Amino acid sequence: MISRLRGILIEKSPPELVVDVGGVGYELGASMTTHYALPALGQEIEIFTHMVVREDAQLLYGFATQNERRLFRLLLSVNGVGAKVALSILSGMTPDEFLACVVNKDVVRLTKVPGIGKKTAERLVFDLKDKVDVSTRASDDLLGVSPSADESSARTQAEDALISLGYKPTEAAKLLEKTATADQSVEEMIRGALRSISR
């Protein structure tokens, strides 16, 4: 799985952008929130990514922050919510605003996001209410309570590895919250998470 890219921004035509990495142009879908954070064309950028593999395509999505990527993955865990709807939500509100809508069951506010009808808004609130109430590292990050840079980097790499093994983003985050510690390496975090499952 591609976790992040560092290269030269050579094109930005919302909702797509293109990053040149060693002569290879990577096309990524991105929210308007990420587009607003982009530098001028020709500048170097580092962008967090999420890859979606389908039978007919391999799609890459880019995010200016890890918090935005975490919310994107959380949204994809909701039945009936695809990448297009998730990017629409990320374009229409900040992670904090979205979580506030879920916690407060603010369906009306969610329906103001383009492409979000009442049924989808109700499903988002119903499916995510318990997940954002639990004190997991993923939801803490979205609420602005971030770990140290080193711990965040290692935990993110371990989470990406678990996702590549077939675990859902929310499952991977919960496993690492229960087992990982700040002084562990990426490999130790992964081993600890997998051991906890086999017990």
Protein backbone atom coordinates (compact mmCIF):
# COMPACT_ATOMS: atom_id res chain seq x y z
CA MET A 1 0.00 0.00 0.00
CA ILE A 2 1.23 3.50 -0.83
CA SER A 3 1.16 5.50 2.42
CA ARG A 4 2.52 8.84 1.26
CA LEU A 5 4.17 10.58 -1.67
CA ARG A 6 6.84 13.26 -1.84
CA GLY A 7 7.41 15.00 -5.14
CA ILE A 8 6.66 18.01 -7.32
CA LEU A 9 3.10 19.25 -7.74
CA ILE A 10 2.63 19.48 -11.51
CA GLU A 11 -1.14 19.72 -11.88
CA LYS A 12 -4.15 20.63 -9.76
CA SER A 13 -7.60 20.45 -11.33
CA PRO A 14 -10.09 19.77 -8.53
CA PRO A 15 -10.91 17.14 -7.55
CA GLU A 16 -7.66 15.74 -9.05
CA LEU A 17 -4.03 16.64 -8.59
CA VAL A 18 -0.85 15.15 -10.05
CA VAL A 19 2.45 14.69 -8.20
CA ASP A 20 5.67 13.92 -10.08
CA VAL A 21 7.75 11.44 -8.11
CA GLY A 22 11.02 10.61 -9.86
CA GLY A 23 9.55 11.18 -13.30
CA VAL A 24 6.33 9.25 -12.63
CA GLY A 25 3.13 11.27 -12.40
CA TYR A 26 0.71 10.05 -9.72
CA GLU A 27 -2.89 11.22 -10.14
CA LEU A 28 -4.77 11.56 -6.88
CA GLY A 29 -8.33 12.46 -5.98
CA ALA A 30 -8.48 15.03 -3.19
CA SER A 31 -10.96 17.11 -1.23
CA MET A 32 -11.17 20.88 -1.57
CA THR A 33 -9.71 21.10 1.94
CA THR A 34 -6.53 19.49 0.65
CA HIS A 35 -6.57 21.56 -2.54
CA TYR A 36 -6.70 24.77 -0.49
CA ALA A 37 -3.59 23.61 1.38
CA LEU A 38 -1.57 22.90 -1.79
CA PRO A 39 1.43 25.07 -2.72
CA ALA A 40 1.93 26.59 -6.16
CA LEU A 41 2.63 24.36 -9.16
CA GLY A 42 6.28 23.36 -9.39
CA GLN A 43 6.70 23.23 -5.59
CA GLU A 44 7.63 20.11 -3.63
CA ILE A 45 4.88 18.56 -1.54
CA GLU A 46 4.46 15.61 0.79
CA ILE A 47 0.97 14.15 0.78
CA PHE A 48 -0.63 11.28 2.71
CA THR A 49 -2.40 8.72 0.55
CA HIS A 50 -4.99 5.98 0.54
CA MET A 51 -5.30 3.44 -2.27
CA VAL A 52 -8.57 1.86 -3.36
CA VAL A 53 -8.26 -1.26 -5.53
CA ARG A 54 -11.29 -2.27 -7.60
CA GLU A 55 -11.76 -4.81 -10.33
CA ASP A 56 -11.69 -2.11 -12.97
CA ALA A 57 -9.33 0.45 -11.45
CA GLN A 58 -6.66 1.30 -8.90
CA LEU A 59 -7.44 4.71 -7.41
CA LEU A 60 -5.22 6.86 -5.25
CA TYR A 61 -6.48 9.59 -2.92
CA GLY A 62 -4.37 12.30 -1.32
CA PHE A 63 -4.70 14.22 1.94
CA ALA A 64 -2.88 17.22 3.36
CA THR A 65 -3.05 15.83 6.91
CA GLN A 66 -3.21 12.45 8.61
CA ASN A 67 -6.39 13.54 10.39
CA GLU A 68 -8.15 14.04 7.06
CA ARG A 69 -7.01 10.62 5.86
CA ARG A 70 -8.20 8.99 9.08
CA LEU A 71 -11.64 10.54 8.65
CA PHE A 72 -11.73 9.43 4.99
CA ARG A 73 -11.04 5.84 6.08
CA LEU A 74 -13.64 6.09 8.83
CA LEU A 75 -16.21 7.30 6.30
CA LEU A 76 -15.44 4.41 3.94
CA SER A 77 -16.31 1.98 6.74
CA VAL A 78 -19.95 3.13 6.54
CA ASN A 79 -22.14 0.99 4.31
CA GLY A 80 -23.08 2.85 1.13
CA VAL A 81 -20.45 5.57 1.52
CA GLY A 82 -17.85 5.56 -1.24
CA ALA A 83 -14.85 7.72 -1.99
CA LYS A 84 -16.89 10.35 -3.86
CA VAL A 85 -19.23 10.93 -0.90
CA ALA A 86 -16.32 10.86 1.56
CA LEU A 87 -14.45 13.54 -0.41
CA SER A 88 -17.61 15.62 -0.55
CA ILE A 89 -17.87 15.52 3.24
CA LEU A 90 -14.18 16.37 3.64
CA SER A 91 -14.68 19.30 1.26
CA GLY A 92 -17.73 20.57 3.10
CA MET A 93 -16.53 20.55 6.71
CA THR A 94 -13.50 20.03 8.94
CA PRO A 95 -12.92 16.75 10.81
CA ASP A 96 -13.92 18.48 14.07
CA GLU A 97 -17.16 19.75 12.52
CA PHE A 98 -18.04 16.33 11.17
CA LEU A 99 -17.39 14.59 14.49
CA ALA A 100 -19.51 17.20 16.25
CA CYS A 101 -22.36 16.41 13.83
CA VAL A 102 -22.08 12.69 14.60
CA VAL A 103 -21.86 13.13 18.36
CA ASN A 104 -24.75 15.62 18.40
CA LYS A 105 -26.78 13.63 15.83
CA ASP A 106 -26.98 16.74 13.67
CA VAL A 107 -28.50 15.19 10.55
CA VAL A 108 -29.65 18.59 9.26
CA ARG A 109 -26.10 19.96 9.16
CA LEU A 110 -24.84 16.85 7.34
CA THR A 111 -27.52 17.15 4.65
CA LYS A 112 -26.16 20.58 3.75
CA VAL A 113 -23.08 18.86 2.29
CA PRO A 114 -23.56 18.37 -1.49
CA GLY A 115 -24.47 14.76 -2.29
CA ILE A 116 -25.57 13.89 1.25
CA GLY A 117 -29.27 13.09 1.56
CA LYS A 118 -31.22 12.50 4.75
CA LYS A 119 -30.87 8.71 4.61
CA THR A 120 -27.10 8.88 4.14
CA ALA A 121 -26.77 11.45 6.92
CA GLU A 122 -28.79 9.25 9.29
CA ARG A 123 -26.67 6.22 8.37
CA LEU A 124 -23.45 8.16 9.06
CA VAL A 125 -24.71 9.19 12.49
CA PHE A 126 -25.98 5.70 13.34
CA ASP A 127 -22.91 3.78 12.13
CA LEU A 128 -20.27 6.14 13.53
CA LYS A 129 -21.79 7.27 16.83
CA ASP A 130 -20.23 4.46 18.88
CA LYS A 131 -16.95 4.57 16.98
CA VAL A 132 -16.25 8.25 17.66
CA ASP A 133 -17.40 7.98 21.27
CA VAL A 134 -14.83 5.28 22.03
CA SER A 135 -11.50 6.73 23.14
CA THR A 136 -9.47 5.25 20.32
CA ARG A 137 -6.32 6.85 19.01
CA ALA A 138 -8.02 7.43 15.63
CA SER A 139 -10.84 9.49 17.09
CA ASP A 140 -8.47 11.28 19.47
CA ASP A 141 -6.40 12.36 16.49
CA LEU A 142 -9.47 13.61 14.68
CA LEU A 143 -10.41 15.62 17.74
CA GLY A 144 -6.98 17.21 17.79
CA VAL A 145 -5.35 15.13 20.54
CA SER A 146 -2.28 13.99 18.69
CA PRO A 147 0.57 11.72 19.81
CA SER A 148 4.18 12.72 19.37
CA ALA A 149 5.50 12.94 15.82
CA ASP A 150 7.58 9.76 16.16
CA GLU A 151 4.75 7.77 17.74
CA SER A 152 2.30 9.10 15.15
CA SER A 153 4.56 8.07 12.27
CA ALA A 154 5.20 4.57 13.64
CA ARG A 155 1.56 4.02 14.55
CA THR A 156 0.42 5.19 11.11
CA GLN A 157 2.81 2.79 9.39
CA ALA A 158 1.63 -0.08 11.62
CA GLU A 159 -2.01 0.81 10.95
CA ASP A 160 -1.39 0.89 7.19
CA ALA A 161 0.26 -2.54 7.41
CA LEU A 162 -2.71 -4.03 9.26
CA ILE A 163 -5.10 -2.54 6.71
CA SER A 164 -3.07 -4.09 3.90
CA LEU A 165 -3.52 -7.44 5.68
CA GLY A 166 -7.27 -7.07 5.37
CA TYR A 167 -8.32 -5.36 8.60
CA LYS A 168 -10.75 -2.45 8.42
CA PRO A 169 -9.26 0.98 9.30
CA THR A 170 -11.31 1.20 12.50
CA GLU A 171 -10.31 -2.34 13.52
CA ALA A 172 -6.63 -1.59 12.93
CA ALA A 173 -6.84 1.61 14.99
CA LYS A 174 -8.55 -0.16 17.90
CA LEU A 175 -6.02 -3.01 17.88
CA LEU A 176 -3.09 -0.61 18.05
CA GLU A 177 -4.74 1.49 20.74
CA LYS A 178 -5.00 -1.61 22.93
CA THR A 179 -1.52 -3.02 22.30
CA ALA A 180 0.93 -0.41 20.95
CA THR A 181 3.19 1.76 23.10
CA ALA A 182 5.21 4.84 22.19
CA ASP A 183 8.59 3.10 22.56
CA GLN A 184 7.80 0.27 20.13
CA SER A 185 9.00 -0.02 16.55
CA VAL A 186 6.55 -0.47 13.68
CA GLU A 187 7.29 -4.21 13.56
CA GLU A 188 6.73 -4.60 17.32
CA MET A 189 3.39 -2.77 17.06
CA ILE A 190 2.24 -5.07 14.26
CA ARG A 191 3.36 -8.24 16.07
CA GLY A 192 1.67 -7.14 19.28
CA ALA A 193 -1.60 -6.43 17.49
CA LEU A 194 -1.58 -9.79 15.70
CA ARG A 195 -0.71 -11.66 18.90
CA SER A 196 -3.67 -10.08 20.70
CA ILE A 197 -6.02 -11.44 18.02
CA SER A 198 -4.72 -15.02 18.28
CA ARG A 199 -5.22 -15.20 22.05
